[in-house]
C-alpha cells in the first residue's frame, strides 16, 4: 500500500486541496500530485474551477518536453518513457490523478 499526503496549492489566487503519492516500480520512481476545486458551473473564468497536476521524476527513463505555440507560449507537454517499470509507474500516476480529480468533482 502507498501513502497519500494532503497538501494545498494556490492557482490564480484560489486555494485548493491536493493529494500526493509516490508511484514506484523497480527503478522508476515518480511523485504525483493533483487537486481541483471541482466544477463551479458556467461562470466567468475568474470564478471558475482551478486544477493542478504535478509529476516529478525522481528516477526513471522519462522524457518530458514542453510544447510551444508560434508565439512562444507553452501550451502543452509531451511525455515519453522507456521500460516496463517506467510505464507501470506512469500508469499508476495517471490513474491516481484521474481518481483524485473525479473524487474532488463528486463523480466517484
PDB file of N, CA and C in Angstrom:
ATOM      1  N   UNK A   1       0.840  -1.178   0.000  1.00  0.00           N
ATOM      2  CA  UNK A   1       0.000   0.000   0.000  1.00  0.00           C
ATOM      3  C   UNK A   1       0.881   1.236   0.000  1.00  0.00           C
ATOM      4  N   UNK A   2       0.424   2.294  -0.566  1.00  0.00           N
ATOM      5  CA  UNK A   2       1.190   3.523  -0.646  1.00  0.00           C
ATOM      6  C   UNK A   2       0.540   4.593   0.228  1.00  0.00           C
ATOM      7  N   UNK A   3       1.355   5.538   0.659  1.00  0.00           N
ATOM      8  CA  UNK A   3       0.858   6.629   1.495  1.00  0.00           C
ATOM      9  C   UNK A   3       0.397   7.784   0.621  1.00  0.00           C
ATOM     10  N   UNK A   4      -0.714   8.377   1.009  1.00  0.00           N
ATOM     11  CA  UNK A   4      -1.235   9.556   0.318  1.00  0.00           C
ATOM     12  C   UNK A   4      -1.106  10.742   1.262  1.00  0.00           C
ATOM     13  N   UNK A   5      -0.522  11.823   0.756  1.00  0.00           N
ATOM     14  CA  UNK A   5      -0.338  13.032   1.547  1.00  0.00           C
ATOM     15  C   UNK A   5      -1.279  14.112   1.051  1.00  0.00           C
ATOM     16  N   UNK A   6      -1.817  14.885   1.970  1.00  0.00           N
ATOM     17  CA  UNK A   6      -2.691  16.001   1.624  1.00  0.00           C
ATOM     18  C   UNK A   6      -1.887  17.296   1.682  1.00  0.00           C
ATOM     19  N   UNK A   7      -2.033  18.117   0.656  1.00  0.00           N
ATOM     20  CA  UNK A   7      -1.339  19.397   0.576  1.00  0.00           C
ATOM     21  C   UNK A   7      -2.304  20.477   0.108  1.00  0.00           C
ATOM     22  N   UNK A   8      -1.792  21.673  -0.081  1.00  0.00           N
ATOM     23  CA  UNK A   8      -2.568  22.784  -0.640  1.00  0.00           C
ATOM     24  C   UNK A   8      -1.733  23.493  -1.692  1.00  0.00           C
ATOM     25  N   UNK A   9      -2.382  23.952  -2.734  1.00  0.00           N
ATOM     26  CA  UNK A   9      -1.781  24.773  -3.780  1.00  0.00           C
ATOM     27  C   UNK A   9      -2.644  26.012  -3.939  1.00  0.00           C
ATOM     28  N   UNK A  10      -2.059  27.029  -4.522  1.00  0.00           N
ATOM     29  CA  UNK A  10      -2.807  28.220  -4.885  1.00  0.00           C
ATOM     30  C   UNK A  10      -2.674  28.387  -6.398  1.00  0.00           C
ATOM     31  N   UNK A  11      -3.793  28.368  -7.098  1.00  0.00           N
ATOM     32  CA  UNK A  11      -3.807  28.504  -8.548  1.00  0.00           C
ATOM     33  C   UNK A  11      -4.598  29.758  -8.901  1.00  0.00           C
ATOM     34  N   UNK A  12      -3.920  30.729  -9.475  1.00  0.00           N
ATOM     35  CA  UNK A  12      -4.542  32.014  -9.828  1.00  0.00           C
ATOM     36  C   UNK A  12      -5.298  32.623  -8.651  1.00  0.00           C
ATOM     37  N   UNK A  13      -4.675  32.584  -7.489  1.00  0.00           N
ATOM     38  CA  UNK A  13      -5.250  33.204  -6.313  1.00  0.00           C
ATOM     39  C   UNK A  13      -6.309  32.383  -5.596  1.00  0.00           C
ATOM     40  N   UNK A  14      -6.574  31.175  -6.068  1.00  0.00           N
ATOM     41  CA  UNK A  14      -7.578  30.312  -5.442  1.00  0.00           C
ATOM     42  C   UNK A  14      -6.874  29.124  -4.786  1.00  0.00           C
ATOM     43  N   UNK A  15      -7.105  28.947  -3.484  1.00  0.00           N
ATOM     44  CA  UNK A  15      -6.501  27.848  -2.744  1.00  0.00           C
ATOM     45  C   UNK A  15      -7.300  26.571  -2.993  1.00  0.00           C
ATOM     46  N   UNK A  16      -6.568  25.467  -3.223  1.00  0.00           N
ATOM     47  CA  UNK A  16      -7.248  24.185  -3.390  1.00  0.00           C
ATOM     48  C   UNK A  16      -6.468  23.077  -2.708  1.00  0.00           C
ATOM     49  N   UNK A  17      -7.181  22.032  -2.350  1.00  0.00           N
ATOM     50  CA  UNK A  17      -6.603  20.878  -1.675  1.00  0.00           C
ATOM     51  C   UNK A  17      -6.057  19.912  -2.726  1.00  0.00           C
ATOM     52  N   UNK A  18      -4.844  19.394  -2.471  1.00  0.00           N
ATOM     53  CA  UNK A  18      -4.263  18.408  -3.361  1.00  0.00           C
ATOM     54  C   UNK A  18      -3.925  17.131  -2.601  1.00  0.00           C
ATOM     55  N   UNK A  19      -3.747  16.085  -3.356  1.00  0.00           N
ATOM     56  CA  UNK A  19      -3.335  14.805  -2.799  1.00  0.00           C
ATOM     57  C   UNK A  19      -2.130  14.315  -3.583  1.00  0.00           C
ATOM     58  N   UNK A  20      -1.159  13.745  -2.872  1.00  0.00           N
ATOM     59  CA  UNK A  20       0.086  13.322  -3.497  1.00  0.00           C
ATOM     60  C   UNK A  20       0.445  11.909  -3.048  1.00  0.00           C
ATOM     61  N   UNK A  21       1.147  11.208  -3.939  1.00  0.00           N
ATOM     62  CA  UNK A  21       1.659   9.891  -3.605  1.00  0.00           C
ATOM     63  C   UNK A  21       2.874   9.604  -4.459  1.00  0.00           C
ATOM     64  N   UNK A  22       3.555   8.543  -4.116  1.00  0.00           N
ATOM     65  CA  UNK A  22       4.699   8.084  -4.878  1.00  0.00           C
ATOM     66  C   UNK A  22       4.266   6.891  -5.719  1.00  0.00           C
ATOM     67  N   UNK A  23       4.686   6.868  -6.973  1.00  0.00           N
ATOM     68  CA  UNK A  23       4.422   5.739  -7.869  1.00  0.00           C
ATOM     69  C   UNK A  23       5.778   5.149  -8.233  1.00  0.00           C
ATOM     70  N   UNK A  24       6.120   4.048  -7.581  1.00  0.00           N
ATOM     71  CA  UNK A  24       7.446   3.466  -7.763  1.00  0.00           C
ATOM     72  C   UNK A  24       7.333   1.995  -8.131  1.00  0.00           C
ATOM     73  N   UNK A  25       8.007   1.649  -9.207  1.00  0.00           N
ATOM     74  CA  UNK A  25       8.114   0.253  -9.643  1.00  0.00           C
ATOM     75  C   UNK A  25       9.540   0.038 -10.108  1.00  0.00           C
ATOM     76  N   UNK A  26      10.233  -0.845  -9.425  1.00  0.00           N
ATOM     77  CA  UNK A  26      11.628  -1.104  -9.772  1.00  0.00           C
ATOM     78  C   UNK A  26      12.444   0.165  -9.683  1.00  0.00           C
ATOM     79  N   UNK A  27      13.133   0.501 -10.761  1.00  0.00           N
ATOM     80  CA  UNK A  27      13.988   1.692 -10.789  1.00  0.00           C
ATOM     81  C   UNK A  27      13.244   2.949 -11.215  1.00  0.00           C
ATOM     82  N   UNK A  28      11.965   2.838 -11.514  1.00  0.00           N
ATOM     83  CA  UNK A  28      11.169   4.009 -11.899  1.00  0.00           C
ATOM     84  C   UNK A  28      10.467   4.564 -10.669  1.00  0.00           C
ATOM     85  N   UNK A  29      10.729   5.827 -10.367  1.00  0.00           N
ATOM     86  CA  UNK A  29      10.239   6.446  -9.134  1.00  0.00           C
ATOM     87  C   UNK A  29       9.676   7.831  -9.455  1.00  0.00           C
ATOM     88  N   UNK A  30       8.345   7.965  -9.380  1.00  0.00           N
ATOM     89  CA  UNK A  30       7.668   9.218  -9.695  1.00  0.00           C
ATOM     90  C   UNK A  30       6.880   9.710  -8.492  1.00  0.00           C
ATOM     91  N   UNK A  31       6.833  11.018  -8.303  1.00  0.00           N
ATOM     92  CA  UNK A  31       5.935  11.642  -7.339  1.00  0.00           C
ATOM     93  C   UNK A  31       4.841  12.339  -8.131  1.00  0.00           C
ATOM     94  N   UNK A  32       3.611  12.102  -7.745  1.00  0.00           N
ATOM     95  CA  UNK A  32       2.478  12.691  -8.459  1.00  0.00           C
ATOM     96  C   UNK A  32       1.579  13.406  -7.455  1.00  0.00           C
ATOM     97  N   UNK A  33       1.047  14.547  -7.870  1.00  0.00           N
ATOM     98  CA  UNK A  33       0.153  15.327  -7.022  1.00  0.00           C
ATOM     99  C   UNK A  33      -0.936  15.935  -7.892  1.00  0.00           C
ATOM    100  N   UNK A  34      -2.151  15.953  -7.383  1.00  0.00           N
ATOM    101  CA  UNK A  34      -3.265  16.514  -8.149  1.00  0.00           C
ATOM    102  C   UNK A  34      -4.310  17.074  -7.200  1.00  0.00           C
ATOM    103  N   UNK A  35      -5.047  18.048  -7.705  1.00  0.00           N
ATOM    104  CA  UNK A  35      -6.148  18.608  -6.936  1.00  0.00           C
ATOM    105  C   UNK A  35      -6.958  19.565  -7.785  1.00  0.00           C
ATOM    106  N   UNK A  36      -8.178  19.812  -7.350  1.00  0.00           N
ATOM    107  CA  UNK A  36      -9.062  20.727  -8.058  1.00  0.00           C
ATOM    108  C   UNK A  36     -10.086  21.304  -7.084  1.00  0.00           C
ATOM    109  N   UNK A  37     -10.643  22.421  -7.457  1.00  0.00           N
ATOM    110  CA  UNK A  37     -11.763  22.972  -6.697  1.00  0.00           C
ATOM    111  C   UNK A  37     -13.052  22.256  -7.071  1.00  0.00           C
ATOM    112  N   UNK A  38     -13.017  21.507  -8.160  1.00  0.00           N
ATOM    113  CA  UNK A  38     -14.227  20.859  -8.671  1.00  0.00           C
ATOM    114  C   UNK A  38     -14.976  21.816  -9.577  1.00  0.00           C
ATOM    115  N   UNK A  39     -16.003  21.304 -10.192  1.00  0.00           N
ATOM    116  CA  UNK A  39     -16.797  22.109 -11.118  1.00  0.00           C
ATOM    117  C   UNK A  39     -17.484  23.248 -10.373  1.00  0.00           C
ATOM    118  N   UNK A  40     -17.567  24.390 -11.012  1.00  0.00           N
ATOM    119  CA  UNK A  40     -18.222  25.560 -10.406  1.00  0.00           C
ATOM    120  C   UNK A  40     -19.321  26.112 -11.297  1.00  0.00           C
ATOM    121  N   UNK A  41     -19.720  25.342 -12.291  1.00  0.00           N
ATOM    122  CA  UNK A  41     -20.761  25.813 -13.203  1.00  0.00           C
ATOM    123  C   UNK A  41     -20.184  26.709 -14.271  1.00  0.00           C
ATOM    124  N   UNK A  42     -21.033  27.141 -15.145  1.00  0.00           N
ATOM    125  CA  UNK A  42     -20.588  28.008 -16.238  1.00  0.00           C
ATOM    126  C   UNK A  42     -20.573  29.447 -15.756  1.00  0.00           C
ATOM    127  N   UNK A  43     -19.472  29.786 -15.085  1.00  0.00           N
ATOM    128  CA  UNK A  43     -19.298  31.127 -14.524  1.00  0.00           C
ATOM    129  C   UNK A  43     -18.105  31.786 -15.210  1.00  0.00           C
ATOM    130  N   UNK A  44     -17.906  33.074 -15.013  1.00  0.00           N
ATOM    131  CA  UNK A  44     -16.731  33.723 -15.608  1.00  0.00           C
ATOM    132  C   UNK A  44     -15.433  33.027 -15.174  1.00  0.00           C
ATOM    133  N   UNK A  45     -14.425  33.117 -16.012  1.00  0.00           N
ATOM    134  CA  UNK A  45     -13.141  32.460 -15.755  1.00  0.00           C
ATOM    135  C   UNK A  45     -12.612  32.753 -14.347  1.00  0.00           C
ATOM    136  N   UNK A  46     -12.760  33.990 -13.894  1.00  0.00           N
ATOM    137  CA  UNK A  46     -12.243  34.385 -12.581  1.00  0.00           C
ATOM    138  C   UNK A  46     -12.887  33.597 -11.444  1.00  0.00           C
ATOM    139  N   UNK A  47     -14.069  33.065 -11.641  1.00  0.00           N
ATOM    140  CA  UNK A  47     -14.775  32.312 -10.605  1.00  0.00           C
ATOM    141  C   UNK A  47     -14.845  30.821 -10.924  1.00  0.00           C
ATOM    142  N   UNK A  48     -14.226  30.413 -12.008  1.00  0.00           N
ATOM    143  CA  UNK A  48     -14.332  29.037 -12.485  1.00  0.00           C
ATOM    144  C   UNK A  48     -13.372  28.098 -11.754  1.00  0.00           C
ATOM    145  N   UNK A  49     -13.428  26.838 -12.117  1.00  0.00           N
ATOM    146  CA  UNK A  49     -12.630  25.783 -11.481  1.00  0.00           C
ATOM    147  C   UNK A  49     -11.136  26.028 -11.617  1.00  0.00           C
ATOM    148  N   UNK A  50     -10.381  25.545 -10.647  1.00  0.00           N
ATOM    149  CA  UNK A  50      -8.927  25.542 -10.678  1.00  0.00           C
ATOM    150  C   UNK A  50      -8.473  24.096 -10.490  1.00  0.00           C
ATOM    151  N   UNK A  51      -7.409  23.724 -11.201  1.00  0.00           N
ATOM    152  CA  UNK A  51      -6.897  22.354 -11.146  1.00  0.00           C
ATOM    153  C   UNK A  51      -5.384  22.379 -11.286  1.00  0.00           C
ATOM    154  N   UNK A  52      -4.711  21.479 -10.581  1.00  0.00           N
ATOM    155  CA  UNK A  52      -3.260  21.337 -10.689  1.00  0.00           C
ATOM    156  C   UNK A  52      -2.917  19.855 -10.811  1.00  0.00           C
ATOM    157  N   UNK A  53      -1.977  19.551 -11.699  1.00  0.00           N
ATOM    158  CA  UNK A  53      -1.406  18.208 -11.829  1.00  0.00           C
ATOM    159  C   UNK A  53       0.103  18.383 -11.833  1.00  0.00           C
ATOM    160  N   UNK A  54       0.789  17.678 -10.949  1.00  0.00           N
ATOM    161  CA  UNK A  54       2.239  17.787 -10.850  1.00  0.00           C
ATOM    162  C   UNK A  54       2.844  16.387 -10.927  1.00  0.00           C
ATOM    163  N   UNK A  55       3.904  16.235 -11.734  1.00  0.00           N
ATOM    164  CA  UNK A  55       4.604  14.963 -11.878  1.00  0.00           C
ATOM    165  C   UNK A  55       6.093  15.232 -11.758  1.00  0.00           C
ATOM    166  N   UNK A  56       6.706  14.672 -10.737  1.00  0.00           N
ATOM    167  CA  UNK A  56       8.148  14.804 -10.528  1.00  0.00           C
ATOM    168  C   UNK A  56       8.807  13.455 -10.764  1.00  0.00           C
ATOM    169  N   UNK A  57       9.830  13.439 -11.585  1.00  0.00           N
ATOM    170  CA  UNK A  57      10.560  12.211 -11.890  1.00  0.00           C
ATOM    171  C   UNK A  57      11.786  12.151 -10.989  1.00  0.00           C
ATOM    172  N   UNK A  58      11.738  11.278  -9.988  1.00  0.00           N
ATOM    173  CA  UNK A  58      12.878  11.086  -9.105  1.00  0.00           C
ATOM    174  C   UNK A  58      13.919  10.187  -9.762  1.00  0.00           C
ATOM    175  N   UNK A  59      13.398   9.189 -10.491  1.00  0.00           N
ATOM    176  CA  UNK A  59      14.273   8.235 -11.162  1.00  0.00           C
ATOM    177  C   UNK A  59      13.458   7.525 -12.223  1.00  0.00           C
ATOM    178  N   UNK A  60      14.039   7.277 -13.363  1.00  0.00           N
ATOM    179  CA  UNK A  60      13.344   6.553 -14.418  1.00  0.00           C
ATOM    180  C   UNK A  60      13.695   7.105 -15.774  1.00  0.00           C
ATOM    181  N   UNK A  61      13.384   6.339 -16.793  1.00  0.00           N
ATOM    182  CA  UNK A  61      13.704   6.712 -18.167  1.00  0.00           C
ATOM    183  C   UNK A  61      12.504   7.421 -18.782  1.00  0.00           C
ATOM    184  N   UNK A  62      12.323   8.686 -18.415  1.00  0.00           N
ATOM    185  CA  UNK A  62      11.245   9.516 -18.935  1.00  0.00           C
ATOM    186  C   UNK A  62      11.817  10.742 -19.624  1.00  0.00           C
ATOM    187  N   UNK A  63      11.147  11.151 -20.681  1.00  0.00           N
ATOM    188  CA  UNK A  63      11.487  12.374 -21.396  1.00  0.00           C
ATOM    189  C   UNK A  63      10.257  13.259 -21.358  1.00  0.00           C
ATOM    190  N   UNK A  64      10.390  14.444 -20.771  1.00  0.00           N
ATOM    191  CA  UNK A  64       9.279  15.389 -20.663  1.00  0.00           C
ATOM    192  C   UNK A  64       9.703  16.665 -21.379  1.00  0.00           C
ATOM    193  N   UNK A  65       8.892  17.061 -22.367  1.00  0.00           N
ATOM    194  CA  UNK A  65       9.260  18.176 -23.218  1.00  0.00           C
ATOM    195  C   UNK A  65       8.084  19.143 -23.345  1.00  0.00           C
ATOM    196  N   UNK A  66       8.273  20.411 -22.982  1.00  0.00           N
ATOM    197  CA  UNK A  66       7.180  21.373 -23.155  1.00  0.00           C
ATOM    198  C   UNK A  66       6.908  21.634 -24.633  1.00  0.00           C
ATOM    199  N   UNK A  67       5.663  21.922 -24.962  1.00  0.00           N
ATOM    200  CA  UNK A  67       5.241  22.233 -26.322  1.00  0.00           C
ATOM    201  C   UNK A  67       4.887  23.712 -26.381  1.00  0.00           C
ATOM    202  N   UNK A  68       5.395  24.407 -27.407  1.00  0.00           N
ATOM    203  CA  UNK A  68       5.181  25.841 -27.544  1.00  0.00           C
ATOM    204  C   UNK A  68       4.412  26.145 -28.824  1.00  0.00           C
ATOM    205  N   UNK A  69       3.578  27.190 -28.774  1.00  0.00           N
ATOM    206  CA  UNK A  69       2.877  27.620 -29.988  1.00  0.00           C
ATOM    207  C   UNK A  69       3.775  28.577 -30.765  1.00  0.00           C
ATOM    208  N   UNK A  70       3.270  29.110 -31.854  1.00  0.00           N
ATOM    209  CA  UNK A  70       4.054  30.004 -32.714  1.00  0.00           C
ATOM    210  C   UNK A  70       4.464  31.295 -32.023  1.00  0.00           C
ATOM    211  N   UNK A  71       3.740  31.677 -30.962  1.00  0.00           N
ATOM    212  CA  UNK A  71       4.065  32.891 -30.212  1.00  0.00           C
ATOM    213  C   UNK A  71       5.073  32.634 -29.098  1.00  0.00           C
ATOM    214  N   UNK A  72       5.531  31.379 -28.955  1.00  0.00           N
ATOM    215  CA  UNK A  72       6.488  31.035 -27.916  1.00  0.00           C
ATOM    216  C   UNK A  72       5.854  30.727 -26.574  1.00  0.00           C
ATOM    217  N   UNK A  73       4.543  30.666 -26.527  1.00  0.00           N
ATOM    218  CA  UNK A  73       3.816  30.374 -25.282  1.00  0.00           C
ATOM    219  C   UNK A  73       3.752  28.865 -25.071  1.00  0.00           C
ATOM    220  N   UNK A  74       4.057  28.417 -23.861  1.00  0.00           N
ATOM    221  CA  UNK A  74       3.963  26.990 -23.539  1.00  0.00           C
ATOM    222  C   UNK A  74       2.485  26.596 -23.503  1.00  0.00           C
ATOM    223  N   UNK A  75       2.106  25.634 -24.345  1.00  0.00           N
ATOM    224  CA  UNK A  75       0.699  25.236 -24.457  1.00  0.00           C
ATOM    225  C   UNK A  75       0.477  23.757 -24.185  1.00  0.00           C
ATOM    226  N   UNK A  76       1.522  23.041 -23.823  1.00  0.00           N
ATOM    227  CA  UNK A  76       1.351  21.611 -23.557  1.00  0.00           C
ATOM    228  C   UNK A  76       2.649  20.963 -23.155  1.00  0.00           C
ATOM    229  N   UNK A  77       2.580  19.642 -23.033  1.00  0.00           N
ATOM    230  CA  UNK A  77       3.752  18.872 -22.643  1.00  0.00           C
ATOM    231  C   UNK A  77       3.672  17.495 -23.300  1.00  0.00           C
ATOM    232  N   UNK A  78       4.814  17.015 -23.767  1.00  0.00           N
ATOM    233  CA  UNK A  78       4.924  15.661 -24.296  1.00  0.00           C
ATOM    234  C   UNK A  78       5.665  14.822 -23.264  1.00  0.00           C
ATOM    235  N   UNK A  79       5.173  13.609 -23.017  1.00  0.00           N
ATOM    236  CA  UNK A  79       5.819  12.695 -22.076  1.00  0.00           C
ATOM    237  C   UNK A  79       6.077  11.381 -22.792  1.00  0.00           C
ATOM    238  N   UNK A  80       7.326  10.942 -22.784  1.00  0.00           N
ATOM    239  CA  UNK A  80       7.700   9.651 -23.365  1.00  0.00           C
ATOM    240  C   UNK A  80       8.467   8.865 -22.320  1.00  0.00           C
ATOM    241  N   UNK A  81       8.299   7.561 -22.321  1.00  0.00           N
ATOM    242  CA  UNK A  81       9.035   6.740 -21.364  1.00  0.00           C
ATOM    243  C   UNK A  81       9.499   5.453 -22.023  1.00  0.00           C
ATOM    244  N   UNK A  82      10.520   4.857 -21.435  1.00  0.00           N
ATOM    245  CA  UNK A  82      11.054   3.575 -21.894  1.00  0.00           C
ATOM    246  C   UNK A  82      11.085   2.610 -20.713  1.00  0.00           C
ATOM    247  N   UNK A  83      10.736   1.369 -20.978  1.00  0.00           N
ATOM    248  CA  UNK A  83      10.820   0.320 -19.963  1.00  0.00           C
ATOM    249  C   UNK A  83       9.489   0.006 -19.325  1.00  0.00           C
ATOM    250  N   UNK A  84       9.318  -1.268 -18.984  1.00  0.00           N
ATOM    251  CA  UNK A  84       8.074  -1.722 -18.365  1.00  0.00           C
ATOM    252  C   UNK A  84       7.843  -1.087 -17.004  1.00  0.00           C
ATOM    253  N   UNK A  85       8.903  -0.967 -16.190  1.00  0.00           N
ATOM    254  CA  UNK A  85       8.748  -0.393 -14.855  1.00  0.00           C
ATOM    255  C   UNK A  85       8.351   1.083 -14.932  1.00  0.00           C
ATOM    256  N   UNK A  86       8.923   1.800 -15.870  1.00  0.00           N
ATOM    257  CA  UNK A  86       8.574   3.208 -16.030  1.00  0.00           C
ATOM    258  C   UNK A  86       7.145   3.354 -16.532  1.00  0.00           C
ATOM    259  N   UNK A  87       6.750   2.504 -17.471  1.00  0.00           N
ATOM    260  CA  UNK A  87       5.367   2.519 -17.945  1.00  0.00           C
ATOM    261  C   UNK A  87       4.405   2.224 -16.797  1.00  0.00           C
ATOM    262  N   UNK A  88       4.730   1.249 -15.962  1.00  0.00           N
ATOM    263  CA  UNK A  88       3.876   0.898 -14.825  1.00  0.00           C
ATOM    264  C   UNK A  88       3.750   2.080 -13.858  1.00  0.00           C
ATOM    265  N   UNK A  89       4.857   2.740 -13.555  1.00  0.00           N
ATOM    266  CA  UNK A  89       4.820   3.900 -12.656  1.00  0.00           C
ATOM    267  C   UNK A  89       4.021   5.037 -13.267  1.00  0.00           C
ATOM    268  N   UNK A  90       4.187   5.268 -14.570  1.00  0.00           N
ATOM    269  CA  UNK A  90       3.438   6.330 -15.239  1.00  0.00           C
ATOM    270  C   UNK A  90       1.941   6.019 -15.246  1.00  0.00           C
ATOM    271  N   UNK A  91       1.573   4.768 -15.483  1.00  0.00           N
ATOM    272  CA  UNK A  91       0.163   4.375 -15.427  1.00  0.00           C
ATOM    273  C   UNK A  91      -0.413   4.589 -14.031  1.00  0.00           C
ATOM    274  N   UNK A  92       0.338   4.206 -12.998  1.00  0.00           N
ATOM    275  CA  UNK A  92      -0.114   4.444 -11.621  1.00  0.00           C
ATOM    276  C   UNK A  92      -0.327   5.931 -11.367  1.00  0.00           C
ATOM    277  N   UNK A  93       0.592   6.756 -11.837  1.00  0.00           N
ATOM    278  CA  UNK A  93       0.493   8.205 -11.625  1.00  0.00           C
ATOM    279  C   UNK A  93      -0.738   8.773 -12.330  1.00  0.00           C
ATOM    280  N   UNK A  94      -0.947   8.394 -13.582  1.00  0.00           N
ATOM    281  CA  UNK A  94      -2.088   8.902 -14.344  1.00  0.00           C
ATOM    282  C   UNK A  94      -3.402   8.427 -13.730  1.00  0.00           C
ATOM    283  N   UNK A  95      -3.463   7.176 -13.309  1.00  0.00           N
ATOM    284  CA  UNK A  95      -4.675   6.661 -12.662  1.00  0.00           C
ATOM    285  C   UNK A  95      -4.958   7.376 -11.351  1.00  0.00           C
ATOM    286  N   UNK A  96      -3.903   7.689 -10.599  1.00  0.00           N
ATOM    287  CA  UNK A  96      -4.080   8.422  -9.345  1.00  0.00           C
ATOM    288  C   UNK A  96      -4.652   9.810  -9.611  1.00  0.00           C
ATOM    289  N   UNK A  97      -4.106  10.513 -10.611  1.00  0.00           N
ATOM    290  CA  UNK A  97      -4.615  11.836 -10.977  1.00  0.00           C
ATOM    291  C   UNK A  97      -6.094  11.741 -11.320  1.00  0.00           C
ATOM    292  N   UNK A  98      -6.453  10.774 -12.129  1.00  0.00           N
ATOM    293  CA  UNK A  98      -7.853  10.591 -12.538  1.00  0.00           C
ATOM    294  C   UNK A  98      -8.759  10.398 -11.325  1.00  0.00           C
ATOM    295  N   UNK A  99      -8.341   9.538 -10.406  1.00  0.00           N
ATOM    296  CA  UNK A  99      -9.163   9.258  -9.220  1.00  0.00           C
ATOM    297  C   UNK A  99      -9.320  10.491  -8.336  1.00  0.00           C
ATOM    298  N   UNK A 100      -8.229  11.218  -8.121  1.00  0.00           N
ATOM    299  CA  UNK A 100      -8.287  12.423  -7.275  1.00  0.00           C
ATOM    300  C   UNK A 100      -9.234  13.448  -7.875  1.00  0.00           C
ATOM    301  N   UNK A 101      -9.076  13.743  -9.176  1.00  0.00           N
ATOM    302  CA  UNK A 101      -9.897  14.774  -9.789  1.00  0.00           C
ATOM    303  C   UNK A 101     -11.377  14.373  -9.834  1.00  0.00           C
ATOM    304  N   UNK A 102     -11.658  13.126 -10.161  1.00  0.00           N
ATOM    305  CA  UNK A 102     -13.049  12.672 -10.173  1.00  0.00           C
ATOM    306  C   UNK A 102     -13.668  12.729  -8.780  1.00  0.00           C
ATOM    307  N   UNK A 103     -12.894  12.313  -7.778  1.00  0.00           N
ATOM    308  CA  UNK A 103     -13.393  12.349  -6.406  1.00  0.00           C
ATOM    309  C   UNK A 103     -13.680  13.780  -5.954  1.00  0.00           C
ATOM    310  N   UNK A 104     -12.781  14.711  -6.261  1.00  0.00           N
ATOM    311  CA  UNK A 104     -12.988  16.091  -5.844  1.00  0.00           C
ATOM    312  C   UNK A 104     -14.113  16.774  -6.623  1.00  0.00           C
ATOM    313  N   UNK A 105     -14.459  16.226  -7.771  1.00  0.00           N
ATOM    314  CA  UNK A 105     -15.591  16.762  -8.554  1.00  0.00           C
ATOM    315  C   UNK A 105     -16.898  16.086  -8.159  1.00  0.00           C
ATOM    316  N   UNK A 106     -16.835  15.132  -7.227  1.00  0.00           N
ATOM    317  CA  UNK A 106     -18.023  14.433  -6.775  1.00  0.00           C
ATOM    318  C   UNK A 106     -18.545  13.410  -7.764  1.00  0.00           C
ATOM    319  N   UNK A 107     -17.678  12.959  -8.674  1.00  0.00           N
ATOM    320  CA  UNK A 107     -18.102  11.995  -9.685  1.00  0.00           C
ATOM    321  C   UNK A 107     -18.013  10.575  -9.159  1.00  0.00           C
ATOM    322  N   UNK A 108     -17.046  10.281  -8.286  1.00  0.00           N
ATOM    323  CA  UNK A 108     -16.936   8.931  -7.699  1.00  0.00           C
ATOM    324  C   UNK A 108     -17.050   9.004  -6.199  1.00  0.00           C
TER     325      UNK A 108
END
